[in-house]
Structure formats: structure tokens, C-alpha cells
């Protein structure tokens, strides 16, 4: 996987810096320190982007769960709506029986 290779290369850079540090001149150590600073900056960016990704993923999962629950409730609501017309036909309030009543004079 590409990410694995990328992190392995970053880790290899760190090891190379550590190995070279002991025998490096002061100016080279300064360059190596800059390289470490750059690696730290990359690491911080990766963590920030990962947290944004995780937040988006969590929201998407929550939204999908919400939609699934709403869809699961929808057939129950549909059944309730379907029984209302049947109740009206069988003489419930406002149904056919109410329409057949003679107006009071």
C-alpha cells in the first residue's frame, strides 16, 4: 500500500539522520536538524489531516445510521397511514358513516 511505503521512507530518513548525526560537522548537524524539523512539520500535517478525515468519516457514519433508522421507521408510518383510510371506511370519525348521516333540520 502506498501509505505504508511513504511512512517507511519517512522512518528511513529519520534513521539516516540519527546515524549521520554522530559524525556530522556542526553545519551538517544544522542541516539535519532542519530536516528533522521538516519531518516534524509533515507529521503534524498528517495528524491534522487524519483528524479531519476521521471527523468526516464519523459524521458520514452517523448520517447513514440516522437515514437507516428513518427508513426503518418509514414502513411503520406507512402502515399507520394505510390503516387510517381503512378505519374511515369502517365507520371511524369522518369516514363513510359520517357522510351517510342525514343533516339535522
N, C-alpha and C. Protein backbone atom coordinates (compact mmCIF):
# COMPACT_ATOMS: atom_id res chain seq x y z
N UNK A 1 0.84 -1.18 0.00
CA UNK A 1 0.00 0.00 0.00
C UNK A 1 0.89 1.25 0.00
N UNK A 2 0.44 2.26 -0.68
CA UNK A 2 1.23 3.47 -0.84
C UNK A 2 1.56 4.14 0.49
N UNK A 3 0.60 4.23 1.40
CA UNK A 3 0.85 4.88 2.69
C UNK A 3 1.93 4.15 3.48
N UNK A 4 1.89 2.84 3.46
CA UNK A 4 2.92 2.07 4.17
C UNK A 4 4.31 2.43 3.65
N UNK A 5 4.44 2.47 2.34
CA UNK A 5 5.74 2.79 1.74
C UNK A 5 6.18 4.21 2.10
N UNK A 6 5.22 5.13 2.09
CA UNK A 6 5.54 6.52 2.40
C UNK A 6 6.04 6.65 3.83
N UNK A 7 5.33 6.01 4.79
CA UNK A 7 5.76 6.08 6.18
C UNK A 7 7.08 5.35 6.39
N UNK A 8 7.30 4.27 5.67
CA UNK A 8 8.59 3.58 5.76
C UNK A 8 9.73 4.47 5.28
N UNK A 9 9.47 5.24 4.22
CA UNK A 9 10.52 6.14 3.72
C UNK A 9 10.79 7.27 4.72
N UNK A 10 9.76 7.77 5.36
CA UNK A 10 9.97 8.80 6.39
C UNK A 10 10.76 8.24 7.56
N UNK A 11 10.43 7.03 7.97
CA UNK A 11 11.16 6.39 9.06
C UNK A 11 12.62 6.15 8.67
N UNK A 12 12.84 5.76 7.43
CA UNK A 12 14.22 5.56 6.95
C UNK A 12 15.00 6.88 6.98
N UNK A 13 14.34 7.98 6.65
CA UNK A 13 15.01 9.29 6.71
C UNK A 13 15.41 9.61 8.15
N UNK A 14 14.54 9.33 9.08
CA UNK A 14 14.86 9.59 10.50
C UNK A 14 16.06 8.76 10.92
N UNK A 15 16.06 7.49 10.57
CA UNK A 15 17.19 6.62 10.94
C UNK A 15 18.50 7.11 10.33
N UNK A 16 18.42 7.55 9.07
CA UNK A 16 19.62 8.05 8.39
C UNK A 16 20.15 9.31 9.09
N UNK A 17 19.24 10.18 9.52
CA UNK A 17 19.64 11.40 10.23
C UNK A 17 20.31 11.02 11.55
N UNK A 18 19.72 10.09 12.28
CA UNK A 18 20.30 9.67 13.56
C UNK A 18 21.70 9.07 13.36
N UNK A 19 21.82 8.25 12.33
CA UNK A 19 23.10 7.61 12.06
C UNK A 19 24.18 8.62 11.67
N UNK A 20 23.81 9.59 10.85
CA UNK A 20 24.75 10.58 10.37
C UNK A 20 25.10 11.61 11.44
N UNK A 21 24.20 11.88 12.35
CA UNK A 21 24.36 12.96 13.33
C UNK A 21 25.65 12.86 14.13
N UNK A 22 25.98 11.66 14.58
CA UNK A 22 27.14 11.47 15.46
C UNK A 22 28.45 11.94 14.84
N UNK A 23 28.58 11.79 13.53
CA UNK A 23 29.84 12.10 12.87
C UNK A 23 29.75 13.34 11.99
N UNK A 24 28.64 14.05 12.06
CA UNK A 24 28.44 15.22 11.19
C UNK A 24 29.09 16.46 11.79
N UNK A 25 29.50 17.34 10.91
CA UNK A 25 30.03 18.63 11.35
C UNK A 25 28.89 19.46 11.92
N UNK A 26 29.27 20.55 12.54
CA UNK A 26 28.24 21.42 13.14
C UNK A 26 27.29 21.97 12.07
N UNK A 27 27.82 22.37 10.93
CA UNK A 27 26.95 22.89 9.87
C UNK A 27 26.04 21.79 9.31
N UNK A 28 26.60 20.57 9.22
CA UNK A 28 25.76 19.45 8.73
C UNK A 28 24.70 19.10 9.77
N UNK A 29 25.04 19.17 11.03
CA UNK A 29 24.05 18.91 12.08
C UNK A 29 22.92 19.94 11.99
N UNK A 30 23.28 21.17 11.66
CA UNK A 30 22.26 22.20 11.47
C UNK A 30 21.32 21.81 10.33
N UNK A 31 21.87 21.32 9.23
CA UNK A 31 21.05 20.86 8.10
C UNK A 31 20.17 19.68 8.51
N UNK A 32 20.76 18.75 9.24
CA UNK A 32 20.00 17.58 9.70
C UNK A 32 18.87 17.99 10.65
N UNK A 33 19.15 18.98 11.49
CA UNK A 33 18.12 19.49 12.40
C UNK A 33 16.98 20.11 11.60
N UNK A 34 17.32 20.80 10.52
CA UNK A 34 16.28 21.36 9.65
C UNK A 34 15.46 20.24 9.00
N UNK A 35 16.14 19.16 8.63
CA UNK A 35 15.44 18.01 8.06
C UNK A 35 14.47 17.41 9.08
N UNK A 36 14.92 17.32 10.33
CA UNK A 36 14.05 16.80 11.39
C UNK A 36 12.85 17.73 11.60
N UNK A 37 13.11 19.03 11.56
CA UNK A 37 12.02 20.00 11.70
C UNK A 37 11.01 19.81 10.57
N UNK A 38 11.50 19.60 9.37
CA UNK A 38 10.61 19.38 8.22
C UNK A 38 9.79 18.11 8.42
N UNK A 39 10.45 17.04 8.89
CA UNK A 39 9.72 15.79 9.15
C UNK A 39 8.66 15.98 10.24
N UNK A 40 8.99 16.78 11.26
CA UNK A 40 8.01 17.07 12.33
C UNK A 40 6.80 17.82 11.75
N UNK A 41 7.09 18.77 10.88
CA UNK A 41 6.02 19.54 10.24
C UNK A 41 5.13 18.63 9.40
N UNK A 42 5.73 17.73 8.65
CA UNK A 42 4.96 16.77 7.85
C UNK A 42 4.10 15.91 8.76
N UNK A 43 4.68 15.44 9.85
CA UNK A 43 3.95 14.62 10.81
C UNK A 43 2.74 15.35 11.38
N UNK A 44 2.94 16.62 11.75
CA UNK A 44 1.84 17.42 12.28
C UNK A 44 0.73 17.59 11.25
N UNK A 45 1.12 17.82 10.00
CA UNK A 45 0.12 17.97 8.93
C UNK A 45 -0.66 16.68 8.73
N UNK A 46 0.05 15.56 8.76
CA UNK A 46 -0.61 14.26 8.58
C UNK A 46 -1.62 14.03 9.69
N UNK A 47 -1.23 14.33 10.91
CA UNK A 47 -2.14 14.15 12.05
C UNK A 47 -3.37 15.04 11.90
N UNK A 48 -3.17 16.30 11.54
CA UNK A 48 -4.30 17.23 11.36
C UNK A 48 -5.24 16.74 10.26
N UNK A 49 -4.67 16.33 9.13
CA UNK A 49 -5.49 15.83 8.04
C UNK A 49 -6.21 14.54 8.43
N UNK A 50 -5.53 13.69 9.18
CA UNK A 50 -6.15 12.44 9.62
C UNK A 50 -7.33 12.74 10.55
N UNK A 51 -7.17 13.69 11.45
CA UNK A 51 -8.27 14.04 12.35
C UNK A 51 -9.46 14.60 11.56
N UNK A 52 -9.20 15.40 10.55
CA UNK A 52 -10.29 15.91 9.70
C UNK A 52 -10.98 14.76 8.98
N UNK A 53 -10.20 13.83 8.48
CA UNK A 53 -10.76 12.66 7.81
C UNK A 53 -11.62 11.85 8.77
N UNK A 54 -11.11 11.59 9.98
CA UNK A 54 -11.85 10.82 10.97
C UNK A 54 -13.17 11.51 11.34
N UNK A 55 -13.12 12.83 11.46
CA UNK A 55 -14.34 13.58 11.77
C UNK A 55 -15.36 13.44 10.65
N UNK A 56 -14.91 13.56 9.42
CA UNK A 56 -15.80 13.40 8.27
C UNK A 56 -16.37 11.99 8.21
N UNK A 57 -15.52 11.01 8.47
CA UNK A 57 -15.96 9.62 8.45
C UNK A 57 -17.00 9.37 9.54
N UNK A 58 -16.76 9.88 10.73
CA UNK A 58 -17.72 9.70 11.83
C UNK A 58 -19.05 10.35 11.52
N UNK A 59 -19.01 11.55 10.93
CA UNK A 59 -20.25 12.23 10.56
C UNK A 59 -21.00 11.44 9.50
N UNK A 60 -20.29 10.93 8.51
CA UNK A 60 -20.93 10.16 7.45
C UNK A 60 -21.58 8.90 8.02
N UNK A 61 -20.89 8.21 8.90
CA UNK A 61 -21.45 7.01 9.52
C UNK A 61 -22.68 7.37 10.33
N UNK A 62 -22.61 8.45 11.09
CA UNK A 62 -23.77 8.89 11.87
C UNK A 62 -24.95 9.25 10.99
N UNK A 63 -24.68 9.96 9.90
CA UNK A 63 -25.76 10.33 8.98
C UNK A 63 -26.40 9.10 8.35
N UNK A 64 -25.58 8.14 7.97
CA UNK A 64 -26.11 6.92 7.35
C UNK A 64 -26.93 6.12 8.36
N UNK A 65 -26.44 6.03 9.59
CA UNK A 65 -27.23 5.33 10.62
C UNK A 65 -28.56 6.03 10.83
N UNK A 66 -28.54 7.35 10.85
CA UNK A 66 -29.77 8.13 11.02
C UNK A 66 -30.74 7.85 9.86
N UNK A 67 -30.20 7.82 8.64
CA UNK A 67 -31.05 7.54 7.48
C UNK A 67 -31.60 6.12 7.54
N UNK A 68 -30.80 5.17 8.00
CA UNK A 68 -31.27 3.79 8.11
C UNK A 68 -32.40 3.69 9.14
N UNK A 69 -32.24 4.39 10.26
CA UNK A 69 -33.29 4.37 11.28
C UNK A 69 -34.57 5.02 10.75
N UNK A 70 -34.41 6.12 10.03
CA UNK A 70 -35.57 6.80 9.46
C UNK A 70 -36.26 5.89 8.43
N UNK A 71 -35.47 5.19 7.64
CA UNK A 71 -36.04 4.28 6.64
C UNK A 71 -36.72 3.10 7.31
N UNK A 72 -36.17 2.64 8.42
CA UNK A 72 -36.80 1.53 9.15
C UNK A 72 -38.12 1.97 9.77
N UNK A 73 -38.20 3.23 10.20
CA UNK A 73 -39.44 3.76 10.77
C UNK A 73 -40.46 4.07 9.69
N UNK A 74 -40.03 4.34 8.50
CA UNK A 74 -40.93 4.73 7.41
C UNK A 74 -41.98 3.65 7.11
N UNK A 75 -41.65 2.36 7.03
CA UNK A 75 -42.70 1.36 6.79
C UNK A 75 -43.75 1.34 7.89
N UNK A 76 -43.34 1.56 9.14
CA UNK A 76 -44.31 1.61 10.23
C UNK A 76 -45.25 2.80 10.05
N UNK A 77 -44.69 3.95 9.68
CA UNK A 77 -45.51 5.14 9.46
C UNK A 77 -46.41 4.92 8.25
N UNK A 78 -45.90 4.24 7.25
CA UNK A 78 -46.68 3.96 6.06
C UNK A 78 -47.86 3.06 6.41
N UNK A 79 -47.64 2.08 7.29
CA UNK A 79 -48.72 1.20 7.72
C UNK A 79 -49.78 1.98 8.48
N UNK A 80 -49.35 2.91 9.33
CA UNK A 80 -50.29 3.73 10.09
C UNK A 80 -51.13 4.55 9.12
N UNK A 81 -50.50 5.14 8.12
CA UNK A 81 -51.21 5.95 7.14
C UNK A 81 -52.16 5.09 6.32
N UNK A 82 -51.79 3.86 6.05
CA UNK A 82 -52.65 2.97 5.28
C UNK A 82 -53.85 2.52 6.10
N UNK A 83 -53.70 2.38 7.41
CA UNK A 83 -54.82 1.94 8.23
C UNK A 83 -55.81 3.06 8.47
N UNK A 84 -55.39 4.28 8.40
CA UNK A 84 -56.32 5.40 8.62
C UNK A 84 -57.44 5.40 7.59
N UNK A 85 -57.18 5.27 6.29
CA UNK A 85 -58.29 5.23 5.34
C UNK A 85 -59.20 4.03 5.58
N UNK A 86 -58.63 2.89 5.97
CA UNK A 86 -59.44 1.72 6.24
C UNK A 86 -60.36 1.96 7.42
N UNK A 87 -59.85 2.62 8.45
CA UNK A 87 -60.66 2.93 9.62
C UNK A 87 -61.79 3.87 9.23
N UNK A 88 -61.52 4.80 8.34
CA UNK A 88 -62.55 5.74 7.92
C UNK A 88 -63.65 5.00 7.17
N UNK A 89 -63.29 4.04 6.35
CA UNK A 89 -64.28 3.28 5.59
C UNK A 89 -65.12 2.41 6.51
N UNK A 90 -64.55 1.97 7.62
CA UNK A 90 -65.28 1.08 8.50
C UNK A 90 -66.12 1.84 9.51
N UNK A 91 -66.22 3.15 9.37
CA UNK A 91 -67.13 3.89 10.23
C UNK A 91 -66.45 4.73 11.28
N UNK A 92 -65.17 4.92 11.20
CA UNK A 92 -64.48 5.79 12.15
C UNK A 92 -64.91 7.22 11.91
N UNK A 93 -64.56 8.12 12.83
CA UNK A 93 -64.93 9.52 12.69
C UNK A 93 -64.48 10.06 11.36
N UNK A 94 -65.36 10.78 10.69
CA UNK A 94 -65.02 11.40 9.42
C UNK A 94 -65.07 10.43 8.27
N UNK A 95 -65.45 9.16 8.50
CA UNK A 95 -65.48 8.17 7.45
C UNK A 95 -66.79 8.17 6.71
N UNK A 96 -67.06 7.07 6.00
CA UNK A 96 -68.26 6.93 5.19
C UNK A 96 -69.53 7.02 6.03
N UNK A 97 -69.52 6.49 7.24
CA UNK A 97 -70.71 6.52 8.10
C UNK A 97 -71.11 7.96 8.41
N UNK A 98 -70.16 8.80 8.64
CA UNK A 98 -70.46 10.20 8.92
C UNK A 98 -71.05 10.88 7.71
N UNK A 99 -70.61 10.47 6.52
CA UNK A 99 -71.13 11.08 5.29
C UNK A 99 -72.55 10.63 5.02
N UNK A 100 -72.92 9.44 5.48
CA UNK A 100 -74.27 8.92 5.25
C UNK A 100 -75.30 9.47 6.20
N UNK A 101 -74.90 10.14 7.26
CA UNK A 101 -75.85 10.67 8.22
C UNK A 101 -76.62 11.82 7.57
N UNK A 102 -77.89 11.87 7.91
CA UNK A 102 -78.77 12.93 7.42
C UNK A 102 -78.50 14.18 8.21
N UNK A 103 -78.45 15.34 7.56
CA UNK A 103 -78.26 16.59 8.29
C UNK A 103 -79.47 16.85 9.20
N UNK A 104 -79.21 17.42 10.35
CA UNK A 104 -80.28 17.73 11.31
C UNK A 104 -80.98 18.99 10.84
N UNK A 105 -82.29 18.96 10.84
CA UNK A 105 -83.10 20.12 10.43
C UNK A 105 -83.58 20.86 11.61
